[in-house]
Amino acid sequence: MQFRTTLGIGELARLTRVPVRTIRFYCDTGILTTVRSTGGHRRFAPDAVDQLTLVRRLRGLGLGLPAITDVLAGRRSMADAVAAARAELDVSLAELAWRRASLVAVEQSRPTERAARLDLLTAVTDSRAAHDTLVEYWRRAVANPWPEPVFEAFAAMVVPDPPAEPTAAQVMAYAQMVTLTANRLLPSLLTEHVVDQHSMLAGVDEAIGLASPLVSAGTIPGPGPVLDQFVAAHAVGRDRRDSPAFRQELLTTLASGREPGFRRYWGLYAEVTGETTTLGGTHIWLLDSLAEAVAAQH
């Protein structure tokens, strides 16, 4: 390299508006390459101006030095580096929004309930950890171990994602959901061997889809073709036939799903998500319909 075609550190600082001490730091950490003159001074190639200008701009956007180094070295595209930084920022903003809503929840509470509310909110200081607590409850609650893709799809339906911009009421509802599961306030699910799990789940899902409009319309639970579909799905899964005796057994097997803890869980789920008709609420409606049908048999 010919030194007459290179730049001194002072000139590079003037052209890029980056302090000399910062340029030295970038050299020491390997972000910028440099050579030494015969007098021992740092010298830079002309393209160092563009490189350092890019570093300054990316730093201004909040990108970390490892990501910037990868961009300069060609190991990562600028688009990928910026997208990753934006994703990290989204997570941070969501955490801040969650903390803010928690503070508002305490701020809005009456003095007599403040201590209890603080205690409740300690369950959801980390919204993602709170979400994972709910997922692990359902992992323990399902009858037999399901293939992971099946369980993940199920968990996505029964565990709400923490809202990105929650209200104080949503944070409180989420905290109560976590308390229900973490403190084992939900009843244990009575389980039995299912022969054809896939067919049963598919049939139950279809029955819930048929029942959802009825629940939305405020239809009173009771016998009917939708309940027949629900019972048939369980009969197929257990290699049984639908009969009065089977319906009585099924009601006993699924009885825990009608208990107050689960009704409370799905009410809180609706508060968190804003949904007026939830999957769990519809499932409870089907169980209540089964109870009505069994009662009518006697």
Protein backbone atom coordinates (compact mmCIF):
# COMPACT_ATOMS: atom_id res chain seq x y z
CA MET A 1 0.00 0.00 0.00
CA GLN A 2 1.30 3.45 -0.89
CA PHE A 3 1.00 5.76 2.12
CA ARG A 4 0.43 8.80 -0.13
CA THR A 5 -2.92 7.21 -1.11
CA THR A 6 -4.02 6.54 2.46
CA LEU A 7 -5.65 8.63 5.15
CA GLY A 8 -4.39 9.59 8.57
CA ILE A 9 -6.62 9.05 11.58
CA GLY A 10 -7.27 12.78 12.00
CA GLU A 11 -8.37 13.16 8.38
CA LEU A 12 -10.59 10.08 8.66
CA ALA A 13 -12.17 11.54 11.79
CA ARG A 14 -12.85 14.83 10.00
CA LEU A 15 -14.40 13.16 6.94
CA THR A 16 -16.66 10.85 8.92
CA ARG A 17 -17.41 12.97 12.02
CA VAL A 18 -16.29 10.09 14.23
CA PRO A 19 -14.00 10.95 17.19
CA VAL A 20 -10.40 9.81 16.96
CA ARG A 21 -10.67 7.82 20.19
CA THR A 22 -13.65 5.92 18.73
CA ILE A 23 -11.72 5.14 15.55
CA ARG A 24 -8.87 3.78 17.66
CA PHE A 25 -11.36 1.57 19.51
CA TYR A 26 -12.76 0.24 16.23
CA CYS A 27 -9.22 -0.53 15.07
CA ASP A 28 -8.34 -2.33 18.31
CA THR A 29 -11.50 -4.47 18.13
CA GLY A 30 -10.93 -5.40 14.47
CA ILE A 31 -13.86 -3.51 12.97
CA LEU A 32 -11.53 -1.34 10.87
CA THR A 33 -8.28 -2.50 9.29
CA THR A 34 -5.24 -0.27 9.34
CA VAL A 35 -1.55 -0.22 8.55
CA ARG A 36 1.29 1.63 10.20
CA SER A 37 3.42 4.26 8.54
CA THR A 38 7.20 4.18 8.88
CA GLY A 39 6.73 6.57 11.80
CA GLY A 40 4.28 4.16 13.50
CA HIS A 41 1.12 6.16 12.76
CA ARG A 42 -2.17 4.54 11.77
CA ARG A 43 -3.05 4.85 8.08
CA PHE A 44 -6.33 3.91 6.40
CA ALA A 45 -7.37 2.98 2.88
CA PRO A 46 -9.76 5.44 1.16
CA ASP A 47 -12.66 2.96 1.48
CA ALA A 48 -12.37 3.32 5.27
CA VAL A 49 -14.49 6.49 4.88
CA ASP A 50 -17.45 4.52 3.53
CA GLN A 51 -16.94 1.72 6.05
CA LEU A 52 -16.73 4.05 9.02
CA THR A 53 -19.73 6.07 7.80
CA LEU A 54 -21.72 2.84 7.61
CA VAL A 55 -20.59 1.86 11.11
CA ARG A 56 -21.63 5.27 12.45
CA ARG A 57 -25.08 5.04 10.86
CA LEU A 58 -25.73 1.47 11.98
CA ARG A 59 -24.60 2.33 15.51
CA GLY A 60 -26.99 5.25 15.40
CA LEU A 61 -29.79 2.77 14.71
CA GLY A 62 -28.74 0.75 17.74
CA LEU A 63 -27.04 -2.22 16.08
CA GLY A 64 -24.39 -3.94 18.15
CA LEU A 65 -20.75 -4.15 17.12
CA PRO A 66 -20.80 -7.94 16.46
CA ALA A 67 -23.63 -7.51 13.95
CA ILE A 68 -21.90 -4.56 12.31
CA THR A 69 -18.65 -6.52 12.07
CA ASP A 70 -20.51 -9.36 10.32
CA VAL A 71 -22.01 -6.88 7.83
CA LEU A 72 -18.61 -5.35 7.03
CA ALA A 73 -17.07 -8.81 6.65
CA GLY A 74 -19.85 -9.97 4.33
CA ARG A 75 -20.97 -12.72 6.69
CA ARG A 76 -24.42 -11.15 7.04
CA SER A 77 -26.52 -8.89 4.87
CA MET A 78 -27.48 -5.47 6.14
CA ALA A 79 -31.17 -6.38 5.74
CA ASP A 80 -30.77 -9.43 7.99
CA ALA A 81 -28.82 -7.47 10.61
CA VAL A 82 -31.39 -4.67 10.68
CA ALA A 83 -34.30 -7.17 10.85
CA ALA A 84 -32.67 -8.96 13.79
CA ALA A 85 -32.14 -5.67 15.63
CA ARG A 86 -35.74 -4.69 15.00
CA ALA A 87 -36.95 -8.05 16.33
CA GLU A 88 -34.90 -7.57 19.51
CA LEU A 89 -36.38 -4.10 19.90
CA ASP A 90 -39.90 -5.50 19.48
CA VAL A 91 -39.23 -7.88 22.37
CA SER A 92 -37.90 -5.07 24.54
CA LEU A 93 -40.87 -2.83 23.74
CA ALA A 94 -43.29 -5.65 24.56
CA GLU A 95 -41.55 -6.19 27.90
CA LEU A 96 -41.75 -2.47 28.68
CA ALA A 97 -45.43 -2.36 27.72
CA TRP A 98 -46.10 -5.34 30.00
CA ARG A 99 -44.26 -3.70 32.90
CA ARG A 100 -46.12 -0.45 32.34
CA ALA A 101 -49.49 -2.21 32.38
CA SER A 102 -48.49 -4.00 35.61
CA LEU A 103 -47.60 -0.67 37.22
CA VAL A 104 -50.90 0.80 36.10
CA ALA A 105 -52.71 -2.20 37.61
CA VAL A 106 -51.08 -1.49 40.98
CA GLU A 107 -51.60 2.26 40.63
CA GLN A 108 -55.33 1.79 39.96
CA SER A 109 -55.89 -0.59 42.88
CA ARG A 110 -57.49 0.45 46.15
CA PRO A 111 -55.12 0.67 49.12
CA THR A 112 -56.81 -2.29 50.78
CA GLU A 113 -56.20 -4.56 47.78
CA ARG A 114 -52.77 -3.28 46.74
CA ALA A 115 -50.73 -5.88 48.61
CA ALA A 116 -52.77 -8.75 47.16
CA ARG A 117 -52.49 -7.31 43.67
CA LEU A 118 -48.73 -6.94 44.02
CA ASP A 119 -48.50 -10.55 45.13
CA LEU A 120 -50.58 -11.69 42.15
CA LEU A 121 -48.55 -9.71 39.63
CA THR A 122 -45.28 -11.32 40.72
CA ALA A 123 -46.47 -14.34 38.72
CA VAL A 124 -46.22 -12.42 35.45
CA THR A 125 -43.24 -10.08 35.75
CA ASP A 126 -41.79 -12.01 32.81
CA SER A 127 -44.59 -12.41 30.27
CA ARG A 128 -42.85 -15.13 28.25
CA ALA A 129 -42.09 -17.16 31.37
CA ALA A 130 -45.74 -16.80 32.37
CA HIS A 131 -46.76 -18.09 28.94
CA ASP A 132 -44.42 -21.07 29.34
CA THR A 133 -45.97 -21.85 32.74
CA LEU A 134 -49.38 -22.18 31.09
CA VAL A 135 -47.97 -24.36 28.30
CA GLU A 136 -46.34 -26.70 30.80
CA TYR A 137 -49.61 -27.05 32.70
CA TRP A 138 -51.36 -28.27 29.56
CA ARG A 139 -48.44 -30.55 28.73
CA ARG A 140 -49.02 -32.28 32.07
CA ALA A 141 -52.80 -32.24 31.70
CA VAL A 142 -53.22 -34.01 28.35
CA ALA A 143 -54.20 -37.64 28.56
CA ASN A 144 -51.28 -39.37 26.84
CA PRO A 145 -48.08 -37.82 25.50
CA TRP A 146 -48.88 -36.31 22.11
CA PRO A 147 -46.44 -35.90 19.21
CA GLU A 148 -44.78 -32.52 19.67
CA PRO A 149 -46.29 -30.91 16.53
CA VAL A 150 -49.76 -31.96 17.69
CA PHE A 151 -49.18 -30.62 21.18
CA GLU A 152 -47.75 -27.34 19.89
CA ALA A 153 -50.85 -26.79 17.74
CA PHE A 154 -53.05 -27.58 20.74
CA ALA A 155 -51.07 -25.29 23.05
CA ALA A 156 -51.44 -22.44 20.57
CA MET A 157 -55.22 -22.79 20.93
CA VAL A 158 -55.44 -23.05 24.71
CA VAL A 159 -52.65 -20.67 25.84
CA PRO A 160 -52.95 -17.04 24.75
CA ASP A 161 -49.86 -15.13 23.73
CA PRO A 162 -49.18 -12.19 26.06
CA PRO A 163 -50.65 -9.10 24.34
CA ALA A 164 -47.98 -6.85 22.81
CA GLU A 165 -49.63 -3.74 24.27
CA PRO A 166 -51.63 -5.05 27.23
CA THR A 167 -54.05 -3.18 29.41
CA ALA A 168 -53.87 -3.42 33.18
CA ALA A 169 -56.94 -5.69 33.10
CA GLN A 170 -55.27 -8.06 30.64
CA VAL A 171 -52.15 -8.36 32.78
CA MET A 172 -54.30 -9.07 35.82
CA ALA A 173 -56.28 -11.72 33.91
CA TYR A 174 -53.07 -13.37 32.70
CA ALA A 175 -51.70 -13.41 36.23
CA GLN A 176 -54.85 -15.12 37.46
CA MET A 177 -54.55 -17.76 34.72
CA VAL A 178 -51.00 -18.49 35.82
CA THR A 179 -52.07 -18.68 39.45
CA LEU A 180 -54.82 -21.16 38.58
CA THR A 181 -52.32 -23.50 36.92
CA ALA A 182 -49.18 -22.93 39.00
CA ASN A 183 -51.00 -23.37 42.32
CA ARG A 184 -52.90 -26.40 41.00
CA LEU A 185 -56.25 -24.69 41.46
CA LEU A 186 -57.48 -26.34 38.26
CA PRO A 187 -58.72 -29.89 38.76
CA SER A 188 -56.67 -32.75 37.41
CA LEU A 189 -57.93 -34.10 34.11
CA LEU A 190 -59.25 -37.65 34.45
CA THR A 191 -57.66 -39.57 31.62
CA GLU A 192 -58.06 -42.96 30.01
CA HIS A 193 -56.49 -44.82 27.13
CA VAL A 194 -57.52 -43.53 23.71
CA VAL A 195 -57.13 -45.96 20.83
CA ASP A 196 -57.31 -43.50 17.91
CA GLN A 197 -56.19 -40.14 19.23
CA HIS A 198 -55.93 -38.46 15.83
CA SER A 199 -59.50 -39.29 14.82
CA MET A 200 -60.85 -38.27 18.21
CA LEU A 201 -59.11 -34.88 18.15
CA ALA A 202 -60.22 -34.22 14.59
CA GLY A 203 -63.83 -35.11 15.43
CA VAL A 204 -63.87 -33.02 18.59
CA ASP A 205 -62.43 -30.08 16.66
CA GLU A 206 -65.23 -30.43 14.09
CA ALA A 207 -67.85 -30.55 16.84
CA ILE A 208 -66.41 -27.40 18.44
CA GLY A 209 -66.57 -25.66 15.08
CA LEU A 210 -70.25 -26.58 14.74
CA ALA A 211 -71.03 -25.57 18.32
CA SER A 212 -69.27 -22.20 18.22
CA PRO A 213 -72.10 -20.31 16.43
CA LEU A 214 -74.59 -21.77 18.89
CA VAL A 215 -72.52 -20.57 21.84
CA SER A 216 -72.19 -17.12 20.25
CA ALA A 217 -75.96 -16.99 19.81
CA GLY A 218 -76.52 -17.86 23.48
CA THR A 219 -78.14 -21.23 22.73
CA ILE A 220 -78.91 -23.22 25.86
CA PRO A 221 -76.84 -26.44 26.09
CA GLY A 222 -78.75 -29.61 25.29
CA PRO A 223 -79.09 -32.67 23.04
CA GLY A 224 -78.81 -32.30 19.28
CA PRO A 225 -76.74 -33.18 16.23
CA VAL A 226 -73.76 -31.13 17.39
CA LEU A 227 -73.59 -33.11 20.63
CA ASP A 228 -73.98 -36.31 18.63
CA GLN A 229 -70.89 -35.35 16.60
CA PHE A 230 -68.97 -34.66 19.80
CA VAL A 231 -69.91 -38.01 21.35
CA ALA A 232 -69.22 -39.86 18.10
CA ALA A 233 -65.69 -38.44 18.01
CA HIS A 234 -64.99 -39.76 21.51
CA ALA A 235 -66.58 -43.12 20.67
CA VAL A 236 -64.35 -43.55 17.60
CA GLY A 237 -61.27 -42.57 19.58
CA ARG A 238 -62.06 -45.22 22.20
CA ASP A 239 -63.25 -47.87 19.74
CA ARG A 240 -66.72 -47.79 21.29
CA ARG A 241 -70.27 -47.24 20.10
CA ASP A 242 -72.46 -44.32 21.08
CA SER A 243 -75.01 -45.54 23.62
CA PRO A 244 -76.68 -44.28 26.80
CA ALA A 245 -74.12 -46.23 28.84
CA PHE A 246 -71.21 -44.80 26.87
CA ARG A 247 -72.55 -41.25 27.31
CA GLN A 248 -72.76 -41.75 31.06
CA GLU A 249 -69.18 -43.07 31.14
CA LEU A 250 -67.98 -40.22 28.94
CA LEU A 251 -69.60 -37.63 31.17
CA THR A 252 -67.83 -39.14 34.18
CA THR A 253 -64.50 -39.23 32.33
CA LEU A 254 -64.73 -35.59 31.21
CA ALA A 255 -66.44 -34.25 34.36
CA SER A 256 -63.42 -32.28 35.54
CA GLY A 257 -63.65 -30.09 32.43
CA ARG A 258 -66.93 -28.64 33.75
CA GLU A 259 -65.59 -27.64 37.14
CA PRO A 260 -65.37 -23.97 38.23
CA GLY A 261 -61.59 -23.81 37.78
CA PHE A 262 -61.83 -24.47 34.06
CA ARG A 263 -64.79 -22.14 33.64
CA ARG A 264 -62.73 -19.46 35.34
CA TYR A 265 -59.70 -20.21 33.13
CA TRP A 266 -61.67 -19.72 29.94
CA GLY A 267 -63.34 -16.60 31.26
CA LEU A 268 -59.89 -15.15 31.92
CA TYR A 269 -58.74 -16.33 28.48
CA ALA A 270 -61.53 -14.26 26.96
CA GLU A 271 -60.43 -11.21 29.00
CA VAL A 272 -56.86 -11.58 27.74
CA THR A 273 -57.72 -12.16 24.08
CA GLY A 274 -60.93 -10.18 23.71
CA GLU A 275 -62.62 -13.23 22.17
CA THR A 276 -66.32 -13.53 22.93
CA THR A 277 -66.44 -17.25 22.12
CA THR A 278 -63.42 -19.30 23.14
CA LEU A 279 -62.46 -22.86 22.26
CA GLY A 280 -62.57 -23.87 25.91
CA GLY A 281 -65.87 -22.14 26.55
CA THR A 282 -67.36 -23.97 23.58
CA HIS A 283 -65.97 -27.27 24.86
CA ILE A 284 -67.61 -26.63 28.23
CA TRP A 285 -70.90 -25.92 26.40
CA LEU A 286 -70.62 -29.34 24.76
CA LEU A 287 -69.93 -30.97 28.12
CA ASP A 288 -72.94 -29.19 29.60
CA SER A 289 -74.99 -30.44 26.63
CA LEU A 290 -73.78 -33.97 27.36
CA ALA A 291 -74.82 -33.56 31.02
CA GLU A 292 -78.30 -32.43 29.93
CA ALA A 293 -78.61 -35.37 27.53
CA VAL A 294 -77.56 -37.87 30.19
CA ALA A 295 -79.99 -36.37 32.69
CA ALA A 296 -82.79 -36.70 30.13
CA GLN A 297 -82.07 -40.44 29.83
CA HIS A 298 -83.19 -41.03 33.41
